[in-house]
Amino acid sequence: MKKKKFNIKNELFTHTYSIVARDSKTGQMGVGVQSHYFSVGSVVSWGESGVGVVATQSLVNVSFGLRGLELLKQEKSPQEALDMLLSDDDGRDVRQVAILDAQGRVAAYTGSKCIKHAGHIEGNHFSVQANMMLSDRVWSSMAKAFETSEDLPLPERIIKTMEAAETVGGDIRGKQSAAILIVGSKAAKNKWEDKIIDLRVEDNEQPVNELSRLLKLHRAYKHMDKGDLAIEHNDMEKALKEYDSALNMFPENLEMKFWTAVSLANNQKIKEALELFKTIFKKDNNWRLLTERLPESGLLNLTKNELEEILSL
C-alpha cells in the first residue's frame, strides 16, 4: 500500500524560538514560544496531560501537533514519533519540530533548509529550538537559562528561558506574539481540565514581557477562584485569605479590591471593608450597585444598617 503524504499546501511562516520542557518534581509539561508572527501560540504549541507536548515551527506543518500527540498515545517514543512524522512529509527540510513525552524524553529536528540562524539543543527533560534568529547564540542561551533556573516553577522557568533568547537578539524580524501552554503529568479526569495554563499574547510590542505579566495575573486569579469557592462553602475566613493574596499581587485591581472588601465585611471587619469600598466606589460606581445586589444572593451577610453604611459611601 502506498504511504499517505501529509503535505501542507498553505504553509505558515512561523519562524520562531520555543522550548518544550518537563518539571521533574511535578511532572508538568509545557511549551513556550515567541515569534514575529500573529497568534503564534495557536499554531506552534500543542499538549495533552499525561501524554506530552509538541512544538512545530519554521515553515510549519500544523498537523505535527495532533499527530505527534496521537503517536505518543500509541506508546511511540518521541524519537519514533518524530521519525514517523517526517517520513511522509515532503517539506521536512524546512520544518523544525520538538516533542517531549510524560517521561521527559525528548526528540528535536531542524531541517537543513531552515532559515539561519537555526538550530536546537536537547537537554535533560527539555529541548530548545529556534530558526531565523539574529544570532546563533539564541538556543544555547535558552538552554543555559533553563538549566540554571531549577528553583522556579515550570511556567516561570519557561518565561525566563524565553527572556534569555531576547538578550541575544531573538527573532531577526523582531517581536509580535508569544504563548505558554502547561499540561499535567497525568490524564485529566475532565477534558476541560486538561490545560493547566494556556496564555497567549497575540500582538504586542513586548510579547514576552506581557506574557510574564499575564502569568502573574493568572496566579492571582487562581487565588480569586479559591476565594469564590470558599464563599460558596461559607468559609469566609479562607475567602478573605485568598482574596487578600490576589490583592497583594495586584493592589490596583478593582475586582480584587472589591471581593477582599466583601470578605472583610463578611468577617465582621467593617472598618477595614469601608476603607476599601470607599476607594472602589470612587473609581467606578457600578461596584456600589453590585454591592447592593449581593445580599439577595447570600454573598454579603450584613445587617441592614451595615449595608446602608457601605452604600452611603
Protein backbone atom coordinates (compact mmCIF):
# COMPACT_ATOMS: atom_id res chain seq x y z
CA MET A 1 0.00 0.00 0.00
CA LYS A 2 1.32 3.44 -0.92
CA LYS A 3 2.15 5.60 2.10
CA LYS A 4 -0.05 8.66 2.53
CA LYS A 5 1.71 12.01 2.17
CA PHE A 6 0.89 14.82 4.58
CA ASN A 7 1.69 17.96 2.63
CA ILE A 8 0.55 21.36 3.84
CA LYS A 9 -0.40 23.48 0.83
CA ASN A 10 -0.72 26.74 2.75
CA GLU A 11 2.36 26.58 4.94
CA LEU A 12 2.65 29.13 7.73
CA PHE A 13 5.83 31.12 8.19
CA THR A 14 6.10 30.74 11.95
CA HIS A 15 9.82 31.33 12.27
CA THR A 16 10.40 31.43 15.97
CA TYR A 17 12.11 30.19 19.09
CA SER A 18 10.49 27.78 21.51
CA ILE A 19 11.03 25.41 24.40
CA VAL A 20 9.36 22.13 25.33
CA ALA A 21 10.05 21.08 28.90
CA ARG A 22 9.03 18.92 31.85
CA ASP A 23 9.26 19.65 35.55
CA SER A 24 10.91 16.61 37.11
CA LYS A 25 9.30 17.38 40.51
CA THR A 26 5.66 17.87 39.46
CA GLY A 27 5.65 16.07 36.13
CA GLN A 28 4.01 19.06 34.48
CA MET A 29 4.96 19.66 30.83
CA GLY A 30 4.95 22.86 28.85
CA VAL A 31 5.64 24.76 25.65
CA GLY A 32 6.82 28.36 25.47
CA VAL A 33 7.10 30.21 22.16
CA GLN A 34 7.72 33.70 20.74
CA SER A 35 7.76 34.95 17.15
CA HIS A 36 7.27 37.91 14.87
CA TYR A 37 4.08 36.22 13.71
CA PHE A 38 0.48 36.87 14.73
CA SER A 39 -1.00 34.42 17.25
CA VAL A 40 1.97 32.07 17.23
CA GLY A 41 0.58 30.00 20.12
CA SER A 42 -2.42 28.88 18.07
CA VAL A 43 -0.09 27.22 15.58
CA VAL A 44 3.12 26.09 17.31
CA SER A 45 2.06 24.86 20.78
CA TRP A 46 0.35 21.51 21.37
CA GLY A 47 -0.03 19.43 24.51
CA GLU A 48 -2.12 16.92 26.40
CA SER A 49 -1.95 15.99 30.08
CA GLY A 50 -0.39 12.60 30.72
CA VAL A 51 0.83 12.42 27.12
CA GLY A 52 3.32 15.12 26.14
CA VAL A 53 3.89 18.38 24.31
CA VAL A 54 4.88 19.34 20.77
CA ALA A 55 6.31 22.50 19.21
CA THR A 56 6.03 22.61 15.41
CA GLN A 57 7.53 25.64 13.67
CA SER A 58 9.58 27.18 10.81
CA LEU A 59 7.51 26.59 7.63
CA VAL A 60 5.19 24.83 10.00
CA ASN A 61 3.34 21.59 9.36
CA VAL A 62 0.46 22.20 11.76
CA SER A 63 -0.63 18.54 11.60
CA PHE A 64 2.52 17.56 13.51
CA GLY A 65 0.89 18.82 16.74
CA LEU A 66 -2.11 16.50 17.00
CA ARG A 67 -0.45 13.67 15.07
CA GLY A 68 2.60 13.81 17.32
CA LEU A 69 0.44 13.56 20.45
CA GLU A 70 -1.53 10.70 18.94
CA LEU A 71 1.68 8.78 18.25
CA LEU A 72 2.79 9.29 21.85
CA LYS A 73 -0.56 7.87 22.98
CA GLN A 74 0.23 4.83 20.85
CA GLU A 75 3.32 4.40 23.09
CA LYS A 76 5.78 5.61 20.49
CA SER A 77 8.86 7.32 21.88
CA PRO A 78 9.37 10.99 20.95
CA GLN A 79 12.10 9.96 18.50
CA GLU A 80 9.89 7.31 16.91
CA ALA A 81 7.03 9.78 16.65
CA LEU A 82 9.29 12.41 15.12
CA ASP A 83 10.71 9.97 12.58
CA MET A 84 7.23 8.91 11.55
CA LEU A 85 6.04 12.50 11.14
CA LEU A 86 8.99 13.44 8.96
CA SER A 87 8.92 10.26 6.89
CA ASP A 88 5.77 11.25 4.99
CA ASP A 89 6.44 15.00 4.78
CA ASP A 90 7.86 16.32 1.51
CA GLY A 91 8.66 19.61 3.27
CA ARG A 92 10.80 18.08 6.00
CA ASP A 93 13.84 20.17 5.04
CA VAL A 94 12.07 23.38 6.08
CA ARG A 95 10.48 22.02 9.28
CA GLN A 96 11.56 22.43 12.88
CA VAL A 97 9.92 20.22 15.49
CA ALA A 98 10.38 19.22 19.13
CA ILE A 99 8.48 16.51 21.02
CA LEU A 100 8.58 15.71 24.74
CA ASP A 101 6.66 12.91 26.47
CA ALA A 102 5.39 12.36 30.01
CA GLN A 103 8.61 10.55 30.92
CA GLY A 104 10.67 13.58 29.99
CA ARG A 105 12.16 12.03 26.86
CA VAL A 106 12.76 14.49 24.04
CA ALA A 107 13.43 14.49 20.30
CA ALA A 108 14.03 17.54 18.13
CA TYR A 109 14.73 18.23 14.48
CA THR A 110 15.93 21.22 12.46
CA GLY A 111 15.58 20.89 8.70
CA SER A 112 18.62 21.61 6.53
CA LYS A 113 16.81 24.45 4.73
CA CYS A 114 15.51 26.28 7.80
CA ILE A 115 16.48 29.95 7.54
CA LYS A 116 19.60 30.66 9.53
CA HIS A 117 20.45 31.13 12.19
CA ALA A 118 18.68 27.89 13.12
CA GLY A 119 19.36 25.04 15.50
CA HIS A 120 18.29 23.17 18.61
CA ILE A 121 19.64 21.63 21.81
CA GLU A 122 18.17 18.58 23.51
CA GLY A 123 18.70 18.51 27.27
CA ASN A 124 17.53 16.70 30.38
CA HIS A 125 13.72 16.90 30.22
CA PHE A 126 13.75 19.78 27.73
CA SER A 127 14.56 20.90 24.22
CA VAL A 128 15.08 24.42 22.90
CA GLN A 129 14.87 25.26 19.19
CA ALA A 130 15.00 28.37 17.05
CA ASN A 131 15.12 29.47 13.43
CA MET A 132 15.51 32.79 11.59
CA MET A 133 17.33 34.18 14.60
CA LEU A 134 19.50 37.29 14.67
CA SER A 135 22.27 35.33 16.39
CA ASP A 136 23.37 31.69 16.55
CA ARG A 137 23.60 32.05 20.33
CA VAL A 138 19.84 32.03 20.90
CA TRP A 139 19.22 28.35 21.58
CA SER A 140 22.37 27.89 23.66
CA SER A 141 21.41 30.89 25.80
CA MET A 142 17.94 29.41 26.24
CA ALA A 143 19.36 26.04 27.28
CA LYS A 144 21.62 27.67 29.86
CA ALA A 145 18.76 29.74 31.29
CA PHE A 146 16.56 26.67 31.68
CA GLU A 147 19.29 24.57 33.24
CA THR A 148 20.21 27.25 35.79
CA SER A 149 16.68 28.06 36.99
CA GLU A 150 15.63 24.80 38.64
CA ASP A 151 14.33 26.69 41.67
CA LEU A 152 11.47 28.23 39.66
CA PRO A 153 8.08 26.65 38.89
CA LEU A 154 7.92 25.35 35.31
CA PRO A 155 5.85 28.26 33.85
CA GLU A 156 8.17 30.92 35.29
CA ARG A 157 11.17 28.85 34.23
CA ILE A 158 9.88 28.78 30.66
CA ILE A 159 9.38 32.55 30.69
CA LYS A 160 12.94 33.01 31.96
CA THR A 161 14.20 30.82 29.11
CA MET A 162 12.34 32.96 26.58
CA GLU A 163 13.73 36.13 28.13
CA ALA A 164 17.22 34.72 27.63
CA ALA A 165 16.53 34.37 23.90
CA GLU A 166 15.74 38.08 23.72
CA THR A 167 19.01 39.06 25.41
CA VAL A 168 20.96 37.71 22.43
CA GLY A 169 18.74 39.04 19.66
CA GLY A 170 15.78 36.68 19.32
CA ASP A 171 13.83 36.65 16.04
CA ILE A 172 15.68 38.70 13.40
CA ARG A 173 12.37 40.34 12.41
CA GLY A 174 11.56 41.48 15.93
CA LYS A 175 8.72 40.60 18.31
CA GLN A 176 4.97 40.19 17.98
CA SER A 177 3.33 37.27 19.78
CA ALA A 178 4.10 34.75 22.50
CA ALA A 179 2.40 31.90 24.32
CA ILE A 180 2.78 29.43 27.14
CA LEU A 181 0.94 26.11 27.48
CA ILE A 182 1.17 23.89 30.58
CA VAL A 183 -0.38 20.42 30.92
CA GLY A 184 -0.33 17.90 33.75
CA SER A 185 1.62 14.74 34.42
CA LYS A 186 -1.49 12.55 34.36
CA ALA A 187 -4.51 12.43 32.07
CA ALA A 188 -7.14 14.92 33.14
CA LYS A 189 -10.33 13.46 34.61
CA ASN A 190 -12.36 16.02 32.70
CA LYS A 191 -11.38 17.16 29.22
CA TRP A 192 -11.92 20.82 30.09
CA GLU A 193 -9.31 20.50 32.86
CA ASP A 194 -6.59 19.26 30.51
CA LYS A 195 -4.74 22.57 30.15
CA ILE A 196 -3.41 23.90 33.44
CA ILE A 197 -2.21 27.16 31.87
CA ASP A 198 -2.96 28.38 28.34
CA LEU A 199 -1.94 32.01 27.87
CA ARG A 200 -1.39 33.86 24.61
CA VAL A 201 -0.22 37.31 23.63
CA GLU A 202 -1.41 37.70 20.04
CA ASP A 203 0.03 41.08 19.04
CA ASN A 204 2.26 43.18 21.30
CA GLU A 205 5.49 45.18 21.03
CA GLN A 206 6.90 43.29 24.03
CA PRO A 207 5.13 39.92 23.96
CA VAL A 208 7.40 38.07 26.40
CA ASN A 209 7.08 40.85 28.98
CA GLU A 210 3.33 40.85 28.52
CA LEU A 211 3.21 37.06 28.81
CA SER A 212 5.10 37.32 32.10
CA ARG A 213 2.52 39.83 33.37
CA LEU A 214 -0.36 37.59 32.29
CA LEU A 215 1.21 34.63 34.08
CA LYS A 216 1.34 36.65 37.30
CA LEU A 217 -2.28 37.71 36.73
CA HIS A 218 -3.20 34.06 36.17
CA ARG A 219 -1.65 33.20 39.53
CA ALA A 220 -3.60 36.00 41.21
CA TYR A 221 -6.91 34.90 39.70
CA LYS A 222 -6.30 31.36 40.90
CA HIS A 223 -6.42 32.84 44.41
CA MET A 224 -9.65 34.58 43.37
CA ASP A 225 -11.11 31.25 42.23
CA LYS A 226 -10.25 29.68 45.59
CA GLY A 227 -11.87 32.65 47.31
CA ASP A 228 -15.04 32.19 45.27
CA LEU A 229 -15.11 28.51 46.21
CA ALA A 230 -14.64 29.37 49.88
CA ILE A 231 -17.60 31.78 49.76
CA GLU A 232 -19.66 29.05 48.11
CA HIS A 233 -18.85 26.83 51.12
CA ASN A 234 -19.47 29.69 53.56
CA ASP A 235 -15.82 29.70 54.68
CA MET A 236 -15.42 33.46 54.94
CA GLU A 237 -12.08 33.30 56.71
CA LYS A 238 -10.48 31.32 53.87
CA ALA A 239 -12.18 33.55 51.29
CA LEU A 240 -10.58 36.60 52.87
CA LYS A 241 -7.17 34.94 52.87
CA GLU A 242 -7.38 34.03 49.18
CA TYR A 243 -8.76 37.39 48.01
CA ASP A 244 -6.14 39.20 50.05
CA SER A 245 -3.39 37.11 48.44
CA ALA A 246 -4.66 38.13 45.00
CA LEU A 247 -4.90 41.78 46.00
CA ASN A 248 -1.32 41.78 47.28
CA MET A 249 -0.19 40.70 43.81
CA PHE A 250 -2.27 43.36 42.00
CA PRO A 251 -3.11 46.09 44.55
CA GLU A 252 -4.77 48.36 41.96
CA ASN A 253 -7.12 45.72 40.55
CA LEU A 254 -10.67 46.84 41.40
CA GLU A 255 -12.22 43.38 41.31
CA MET A 256 -9.61 42.04 43.70
CA LYS A 257 -10.19 45.06 45.97
CA PHE A 258 -13.94 44.50 45.81
CA TRP A 259 -14.02 40.85 46.80
CA THR A 260 -11.45 41.47 49.52
CA ALA A 261 -13.77 44.19 50.86
CA VAL A 262 -16.74 41.82 50.69
CA SER A 263 -14.77 39.17 52.59
CA LEU A 264 -13.69 41.71 55.21
CA ALA A 265 -17.33 42.68 55.70
CA ASN A 266 -18.41 39.05 55.94
CA ASN A 267 -15.73 38.55 58.60
CA GLN A 268 -17.16 41.48 60.59
CA LYS A 269 -14.16 43.67 59.80
CA ILE A 270 -16.43 46.52 58.78
CA LYS A 271 -13.97 49.36 59.35
CA GLU A 272 -11.35 47.83 57.01
CA ALA A 273 -14.06 46.96 54.48
CA LEU A 274 -15.38 50.53 54.46
CA GLU A 275 -11.95 51.89 53.51
CA LEU A 276 -11.75 49.60 50.50
CA PHE A 277 -15.37 50.11 49.42
CA LYS A 278 -14.87 53.87 49.50
CA THR A 279 -11.88 53.66 47.15
CA ILE A 280 -13.69 51.27 44.81
CA PHE A 281 -16.93 53.25 44.58
CA LYS A 282 -15.00 56.46 43.91
CA LYS A 283 -13.39 54.90 40.85
CA ASP A 284 -16.47 53.09 39.50
CA ASN A 285 -19.99 53.45 40.88
CA ASN A 286 -21.12 50.18 39.27
CA TRP A 287 -19.42 48.32 42.12
CA ARG A 288 -21.80 50.10 44.54
CA LEU A 289 -24.75 48.79 42.50
CA LEU A 290 -23.27 45.28 42.59
CA THR A 291 -22.77 45.51 46.38
CA GLU A 292 -26.47 46.31 46.79
CA ARG A 293 -27.39 43.11 44.95
CA LEU A 294 -25.11 40.69 46.83
CA PRO A 295 -27.20 40.11 50.00
CA GLU A 296 -30.06 38.66 47.93
CA SER A 297 -27.65 36.02 46.61
CA GLY A 298 -26.27 35.27 50.07
CA LEU A 299 -22.81 36.59 49.22
CA LEU A 300 -22.83 39.53 51.61
CA ASN A 301 -24.09 38.85 55.12
CA LEU A 302 -24.66 42.17 56.90
CA THR A 303 -27.26 43.90 58.99
CA LYS A 304 -29.45 46.46 57.26
CA ASN A 305 -27.56 49.29 58.98
CA GLU A 306 -24.17 47.93 57.99
CA LEU A 307 -25.23 47.59 54.36
CA GLU A 308 -26.65 51.12 54.34
CA GLU A 309 -23.39 52.46 55.79
CA ILE A 310 -21.41 50.84 52.96
CA LEU A 311 -23.80 52.01 50.23
CA SER A 312 -23.76 55.59 51.57
CA LEU A 313 -20.02 55.98 50.96
